[in-house]
Protein backbone atom coordinates (compact mmCIF):
# COMPACT_ATOMS: atom_id res chain seq x y z
CA MET A 1 11.51 -0.95 -16.82
CA SER A 2 8.28 -2.48 -15.67
CA ASN A 3 4.80 -1.20 -16.42
CA LYS A 4 3.82 -1.12 -12.75
CA PRO A 5 2.60 2.26 -11.50
CA THR A 6 4.85 3.92 -8.95
CA LEU A 7 3.41 4.16 -5.46
CA THR A 8 3.98 6.95 -3.00
CA PRO A 9 5.20 5.98 0.48
CA LYS A 10 1.72 6.73 1.84
CA GLU A 11 0.10 4.40 -0.71
CA LYS A 12 2.60 1.66 0.19
CA GLU A 13 1.72 2.11 3.87
CA ILE A 14 -2.02 1.81 3.12
CA GLN A 15 -1.50 -1.41 1.17
CA SER A 16 0.82 -2.79 3.85
CA LEU A 17 -1.77 -2.17 6.58
CA PHE A 18 -4.54 -3.71 4.45
CA VAL A 19 -2.50 -6.83 3.73
CA ARG A 20 -1.83 -7.19 7.47
CA GLY A 21 -5.58 -7.31 8.11
CA LYS A 22 -6.53 -3.75 9.02
CA SER A 23 -9.95 -2.59 7.85
CA PRO A 24 -10.16 0.28 5.32
CA GLU A 25 -11.98 2.40 7.92
CA THR A 26 -9.17 1.89 10.45
CA ILE A 27 -6.54 2.75 7.84
CA ALA A 28 -8.39 5.94 6.84
CA VAL A 29 -8.58 7.14 10.44
CA ARG A 30 -4.99 6.17 11.19
CA MET A 31 -3.61 7.89 8.07
CA GLY A 32 -5.90 10.91 8.35
CA MET A 33 -7.29 10.37 4.86
CA LYS A 34 -10.71 10.06 3.29
CA LEU A 35 -12.07 6.53 3.03
CA SER A 36 -12.58 6.94 -0.73
CA LYS A 37 -8.85 7.58 -1.24
CA VAL A 38 -7.94 4.55 0.87
CA MET A 39 -10.37 2.37 -1.11
CA MET A 40 -8.90 3.59 -4.40
CA VAL A 41 -5.39 2.57 -3.29
CA ILE A 42 -6.64 -0.81 -2.06
CA ALA A 43 -8.42 -1.37 -5.38
CA MET A 44 -5.04 -1.02 -7.13
CA LEU A 45 -3.53 -3.78 -4.96
CA PRO A 46 -4.35 -6.90 -7.05
CA LYS A 47 -2.89 -5.31 -10.18
CA LEU A 48 0.43 -4.68 -8.43
CA LEU A 49 1.05 -8.19 -7.13
């Protein structure tokens, strides 16, 4: 098993949108989430790659 944290489908969608060039504000509105939650998920991105 790897040490990578498991992502929920919603977290995977956030990271996918961010990688495709969407701004965090756009993602937050689109997903109906708070910007702080979106930023937290994006902050995890470099560790997962």
